[in-house]
Protein backbone atom coordinates (compact mmCIF):
# COMPACT_ATOMS: atom_id res chain seq x y z
CA MET A 1 -60.64 -27.09 40.82
CA LYS A 2 -59.52 -23.49 40.37
CA LYS A 3 -57.71 -24.42 37.14
CA PHE A 4 -60.84 -26.07 35.80
CA LEU A 5 -62.95 -23.02 36.58
CA LYS A 6 -60.36 -20.78 34.99
CA ASN A 7 -60.36 -22.85 31.77
CA ARG A 8 -64.16 -22.78 31.70
CA CYS A 9 -64.11 -19.01 32.00
CA VAL A 10 -61.68 -18.68 29.11
CA PHE A 11 -63.73 -21.04 26.97
CA GLY A 12 -66.90 -19.17 27.81
CA LEU A 13 -65.28 -15.88 26.91
CA ILE A 14 -64.28 -17.25 23.49
CA ILE A 15 -67.84 -18.50 22.86
CA PHE A 16 -69.21 -15.10 23.87
CA VAL A 17 -66.87 -13.26 21.46
CA LEU A 18 -67.86 -15.54 18.60
CA LEU A 19 -71.55 -15.03 19.32
CA VAL A 20 -71.10 -11.28 19.41
CA SER A 21 -69.19 -11.45 16.11
CA VAL A 22 -72.01 -13.47 14.55
CA VAL A 23 -74.68 -11.05 15.81
CA VAL A 24 -72.69 -8.03 14.58
CA GLY A 25 -72.27 -9.73 11.25
CA ILE A 26 -75.98 -10.41 11.00
CA ILE A 27 -76.81 -6.80 11.81
CA ASN A 28 -74.30 -5.49 9.29
CA ALA A 29 -75.53 -7.92 6.71
CA ALA A 30 -79.05 -6.67 7.21
CA LYS A 31 -77.91 -3.12 6.75
CA HIS A 32 -75.91 -3.76 3.62
CA GLU A 33 -78.04 -6.54 2.23
CA VAL A 34 -75.21 -9.12 2.37
CA PRO A 35 -76.53 -12.68 2.23
CA PHE A 36 -76.60 -14.24 5.65
CA THR A 37 -74.64 -17.35 4.66
CA GLU A 38 -71.94 -15.39 2.84
CA ASN A 39 -71.52 -13.07 5.78
CA ILE A 40 -71.10 -15.96 8.23
CA VAL A 41 -68.53 -17.63 5.97
CA GLN A 42 -66.62 -14.36 5.58
CA ILE A 43 -66.56 -13.81 9.32
CA VAL A 44 -65.05 -17.26 9.83
CA ILE A 45 -62.46 -17.13 7.03
CA THR A 46 -61.30 -13.53 7.49
CA PRO A 47 -58.74 -14.39 10.23
CA VAL A 48 -57.44 -17.22 8.05
CA GLN A 49 -57.15 -14.87 5.07
CA LYS A 50 -55.21 -12.37 7.17
CA LEU A 51 -52.86 -15.09 8.33
CA PHE A 52 -52.11 -16.28 4.78
CA THR A 53 -51.73 -12.71 3.57
CA LYS A 54 -49.07 -12.06 6.22
CA ILE A 55 -47.30 -15.31 5.31
CA GLY A 56 -47.45 -14.35 1.63
CA ASN A 57 -46.08 -10.91 2.35
CA GLY A 58 -43.28 -12.52 4.32
CA PHE A 59 -42.29 -14.77 1.42
CA SER A 60 -42.51 -11.79 -0.93
CA GLY A 61 -40.15 -9.83 1.34
CA VAL A 62 -37.68 -12.73 1.45
CA TRP A 63 -37.79 -13.09 -2.35
CA THR A 64 -37.24 -9.34 -2.76
CA TYR A 65 -34.29 -9.52 -0.34
CA PHE A 66 -32.54 -12.27 -2.27
CA SER A 67 -33.29 -10.53 -5.56
CA ASP A 68 -31.69 -7.36 -4.19
CA VAL A 69 -28.65 -9.34 -2.99
CA ASP A 70 -28.17 -10.84 -6.48
CA LYS A 71 -28.51 -7.38 -8.01
CA ILE A 72 -25.94 -5.92 -5.60
CA LYS A 73 -23.54 -8.79 -6.33
CA ALA A 74 -23.87 -8.20 -10.08
CA GLU A 75 -23.30 -4.46 -9.65
CA ASN A 76 -20.28 -5.12 -7.41
CA LYS A 77 -18.80 -7.49 -10.00
CA ALA A 78 -19.28 -4.87 -12.71
CA LEU A 79 -17.60 -2.23 -10.53
CA GLN A 80 -14.67 -4.58 -9.85
CA SER A 81 -14.23 -5.17 -13.59
CA GLU A 82 -14.36 -1.44 -14.25
CA LYS A 83 -11.82 -0.83 -11.48
CA ALA A 84 -9.45 -3.46 -12.94
CA ALA A 85 -9.74 -1.88 -16.40
CA LEU A 86 -9.00 1.59 -15.01
CA GLU A 87 -5.99 0.27 -13.07
CA THR A 88 -4.66 -1.34 -16.27
CA GLU A 89 -5.02 1.95 -18.14
CA LEU A 90 -3.30 3.78 -15.28
CA ASP A 91 -0.39 1.31 -15.34
CA LYS A 92 -0.04 1.81 -19.10
CA ALA A 93 -0.03 5.57 -18.63
CA LYS A 94 2.67 5.31 -15.94
CA ILE A 95 4.82 3.09 -18.16
CA SER A 96 4.40 5.50 -21.07
CA LEU A 97 5.28 8.42 -18.82
CA ASN A 98 8.42 6.66 -17.57
CA GLU A 99 9.48 5.79 -21.12
CA ASN A 100 8.93 9.36 -22.26
CA GLU A 101 10.98 10.64 -19.32
CA GLU A 102 13.82 8.25 -20.16
CA LEU A 103 13.81 9.32 -23.82
CA ARG A 104 13.78 12.99 -22.76
CA LYS A 105 16.87 12.44 -20.60
CA LEU A 106 18.64 10.69 -23.49
CA LEU A 107 17.77 13.60 -25.77
CA ASP A 108 19.09 16.03 -23.17
CA MET A 109 22.37 14.10 -23.11
CA LYS A 110 22.66 14.28 -26.91
CA ASN A 111 22.30 18.04 -26.68
CA ALA A 112 24.70 18.33 -23.72
CA TYR A 113 27.58 16.47 -25.40
CA PRO A 114 27.75 17.70 -29.01
CA GLU A 115 31.28 16.25 -29.36
CA LEU A 116 29.74 12.77 -29.29
CA GLU A 117 27.71 11.55 -32.26
CA LEU A 118 24.89 9.68 -30.55
CA MET A 119 21.98 7.60 -31.86
CA THR A 120 18.99 6.56 -29.77
CA ALA A 121 18.02 2.88 -29.80
CA GLU A 122 15.28 0.97 -28.04
CA VAL A 123 15.85 -2.27 -26.11
CA ILE A 124 13.71 -4.90 -27.83
CA ALA A 125 14.84 -8.22 -26.33
CA ARG A 126 16.71 -9.80 -23.44
CA ASP A 127 18.02 -13.31 -22.90
CA PRO A 128 16.27 -14.62 -19.73
CA SER A 129 19.26 -16.85 -18.96
CA ASN A 130 21.70 -13.97 -19.44
CA TRP A 131 19.65 -11.05 -18.11
CA TYR A 132 22.43 -8.70 -17.00
CA ASN A 133 25.01 -9.50 -19.67
CA THR A 134 23.41 -8.93 -23.08
CA PHE A 135 20.37 -7.42 -24.75
CA THR A 136 19.21 -6.54 -28.26
CA ILE A 137 18.46 -3.08 -29.67
CA ASP A 138 16.41 -2.01 -32.72
CA LYS A 139 19.27 -0.49 -34.71
CA GLY A 140 21.56 -2.33 -37.13
CA SER A 141 24.04 -1.89 -39.94
CA ILE A 142 21.60 0.15 -42.03
CA ASP A 143 21.52 2.67 -39.15
CA GLY A 144 25.30 2.92 -38.83
CA MET A 145 25.86 0.36 -36.06
CA ALA A 146 29.33 -1.25 -35.95
CA LEU A 147 31.23 -3.61 -33.69
CA ASN A 148 32.64 -2.22 -30.42
CA GLN A 149 30.71 1.03 -30.53
CA PRO A 150 30.10 2.14 -26.90
CA VAL A 151 26.56 2.05 -25.59
CA VAL A 152 25.58 4.54 -22.89
CA SER A 153 22.54 5.59 -20.88
CA GLU A 154 21.69 9.00 -19.44
CA ASP A 155 24.37 11.20 -17.80
CA LYS A 156 27.21 9.61 -19.83
CA THR A 157 26.84 6.30 -17.99
CA LEU A 158 28.54 3.38 -19.75
CA VAL A 159 26.33 0.34 -20.41
CA GLY A 160 28.58 -1.76 -22.68
CA ARG A 161 29.46 -2.12 -26.34
CA ILE A 162 28.02 -3.43 -29.61
CA SER A 163 29.15 -7.05 -29.90
CA GLU A 164 27.07 -8.28 -32.83
CA VAL A 165 25.47 -6.39 -35.73
CA GLY A 166 22.52 -7.41 -37.89
CA THR A 167 20.80 -5.47 -40.64
CA THR A 168 18.09 -3.96 -38.42
CA TRP A 169 19.26 -5.04 -34.95
CA SER A 170 22.38 -5.25 -32.81
CA ARG A 171 23.40 -7.12 -29.68
CA VAL A 172 24.91 -5.24 -26.75
CA THR A 173 27.37 -6.85 -24.32
CA THR A 174 27.31 -5.12 -20.94
CA LEU A 175 29.99 -4.38 -18.35
CA THR A 176 29.07 -7.49 -16.33
CA ASP A 177 29.71 -9.96 -19.14
CA PRO A 178 32.92 -11.99 -18.61
CA ALA A 179 33.96 -11.21 -22.20
CA HIS A 180 33.85 -7.47 -21.55
CA SER A 181 36.64 -5.23 -20.24
CA VAL A 182 37.30 -1.49 -20.23
CA GLY A 183 40.14 0.75 -19.08
CA ALA A 184 39.07 2.56 -15.89
CA GLU A 185 40.17 5.33 -13.55
CA VAL A 186 39.40 6.20 -9.93
CA VAL A 187 38.15 9.81 -10.03
CA ARG A 188 39.30 10.75 -6.53
CA SER A 189 42.85 9.38 -6.62
CA GLY A 190 43.63 8.92 -10.32
CA GLU A 191 44.44 5.22 -9.89
CA PHE A 192 44.09 3.13 -13.07
CA GLY A 193 42.79 -0.39 -13.54
CA ILE A 194 40.62 -2.60 -15.74
CA VAL A 195 36.88 -3.11 -15.16
CA GLU A 196 35.83 -6.55 -16.32
CA GLY A 197 32.98 -8.98 -15.91
CA GLU A 198 33.19 -12.26 -14.05
CA TYR A 199 30.84 -15.25 -13.98
CA SER A 200 30.57 -15.29 -10.18
CA PHE A 201 29.54 -11.60 -10.19
CA SER A 202 27.30 -11.45 -13.24
CA THR A 203 24.21 -12.91 -11.55
CA SER A 204 24.22 -10.02 -9.07
CA GLY A 205 24.76 -7.39 -11.75
CA THR A 206 28.22 -6.41 -10.50
CA CYS A 207 31.73 -6.51 -12.00
CA ARG A 208 35.26 -5.93 -10.71
CA LEU A 209 38.14 -3.50 -11.00
CA THR A 210 41.41 -5.41 -11.40
CA PHE A 211 45.13 -4.69 -11.85
CA ILE A 212 45.34 -2.34 -8.90
CA SER A 213 48.31 -2.62 -6.54
CA LYS A 214 48.04 -3.68 -2.93
CA ASN A 215 48.79 -0.12 -1.79
CA ALA A 216 46.59 1.63 -4.34
CA ASN A 217 44.64 4.63 -3.06
CA ILE A 218 41.09 3.32 -3.45
CA ILE A 219 38.23 3.18 -0.95
CA VAL A 220 34.61 2.03 -0.80
CA GLY A 221 32.38 4.60 -2.49
CA ASP A 222 34.98 5.81 -5.02
CA LYS A 223 33.54 6.74 -8.41
CA ILE A 224 34.96 4.84 -11.38
CA VAL A 225 35.00 6.25 -14.95
CA THR A 226 36.46 5.18 -18.27
CA SER A 227 40.14 6.10 -18.66
CA GLY A 228 40.01 6.56 -22.46
CA LEU A 229 42.88 4.06 -22.85
CA GLY A 230 42.44 1.32 -25.43
CA GLY A 231 40.79 3.36 -28.19
CA ILE A 232 37.25 2.06 -27.81
CA TYR A 233 35.64 4.09 -25.04
CA PRO A 234 35.75 7.88 -24.71
CA LYS A 235 37.35 9.19 -21.52
CA GLY A 236 35.11 10.12 -18.59
CA LEU A 237 32.09 7.87 -19.09
CA THR A 238 30.68 6.88 -15.68
CA ILE A 239 31.07 3.18 -14.86
CA GLY A 240 29.96 2.94 -11.25
CA LYS A 241 31.09 2.95 -7.61
CA VAL A 242 33.26 0.73 -5.42
CA LEU A 243 31.19 -1.60 -3.22
CA GLU A 244 33.99 -3.62 -1.65
CA ILE A 245 37.77 -4.09 -1.80
CA ARG A 246 39.27 -7.57 -1.63
CA PRO A 247 42.85 -8.97 -1.76
CA ASP A 248 43.64 -11.33 -4.61
CA MET A 249 44.52 -14.98 -3.97
CA GLN A 250 48.27 -14.33 -4.02
CA GLY A 251 48.00 -11.37 -1.68
CA ILE A 252 50.25 -9.19 -3.82
CA SER A 253 47.45 -7.03 -5.25
CA GLN A 254 43.79 -6.33 -4.73
CA TYR A 255 40.60 -5.86 -6.67
CA ALA A 256 37.38 -3.95 -6.09
CA VAL A 257 33.78 -5.05 -6.55
CA ILE A 258 32.04 -2.46 -8.70
CA SER A 259 28.33 -1.66 -8.83
CA PRO A 260 27.60 -0.31 -12.34
CA GLN A 261 25.59 2.89 -12.34
CA ALA A 262 23.54 1.84 -15.39
CA ARG A 263 20.53 -0.25 -14.35
CA VAL A 264 20.76 -2.72 -17.22
CA ASP A 265 17.71 -4.68 -16.05
CA LYS A 266 15.56 -1.50 -16.20
CA LEU A 267 16.76 0.03 -19.47
CA LYS A 268 14.14 0.70 -22.14
CA ALA A 269 16.35 2.79 -24.45
CA VAL A 270 20.05 3.60 -24.84
CA LEU A 271 22.41 5.78 -26.86
CA VAL A 272 25.05 4.35 -29.19
CA VAL A 273 28.25 6.38 -29.59
CA LEU A 274 28.93 6.43 -33.32
CA ASN A 275 32.33 8.18 -32.97
CA PRO A 276 34.02 6.47 -30.00
CA ALA A 277 37.16 8.61 -30.32
CA GLY A 278 35.18 11.84 -30.20
CA GLU A 279 36.12 12.72 -26.62
CA GLN A 280 39.66 11.36 -26.38
């Protein structure tokens, strides 16, 4: 019973509000000369118009949101592309800077060792299957290249020798190639031996010092240089350092694993010694 009375009260209140709205509308219409019918219709549809306006504004806001998201995505993509382009330019600048620094060091070496007639050459090709053992330079017979001329990098570091000569190019065989050998000396003790390449070592970029007696005075870390014996390489070119000492299979001598100082896989330019006997 109470619920029924409560519902009747609510319903009555709604009817009263509508009647008041109609009366107010009539009075206002009289004041402003709005037609009675039009005023009544406007009173009824105004709440509906407000509702649809709010809904429309909501859809407009959603559309604006998604439009802004698409715009932000496009701007972000453009910024990413610009960033990638700038990083590429930066990498090129770093490479150019490194190459210039390497060429400067090679030039400094030419000036520091006037007794050696040196020519700068750029590395232009490598054999992917023979990465550490050979590479090609941009100088050939027309530039004065000849077989067995020593090839060095900065600080009088031995790289290898010219093994093949073309008109405008030459091939360089490095210390790690099994066909390469050079007379060597241990700086600390004066021990002599032969540095030569070996197939089992070449993939790791190392070589070995052979023909050293079992009791030879040689230890890990010793610096190895060219001995000047053999007539091809000037004396005192740096070869590398001793990584390990091993006995040979017969046990009557030993050999040392050598890590060449020249980073053949990183070289961009080298110097060719045109007068190999210049320092002997």
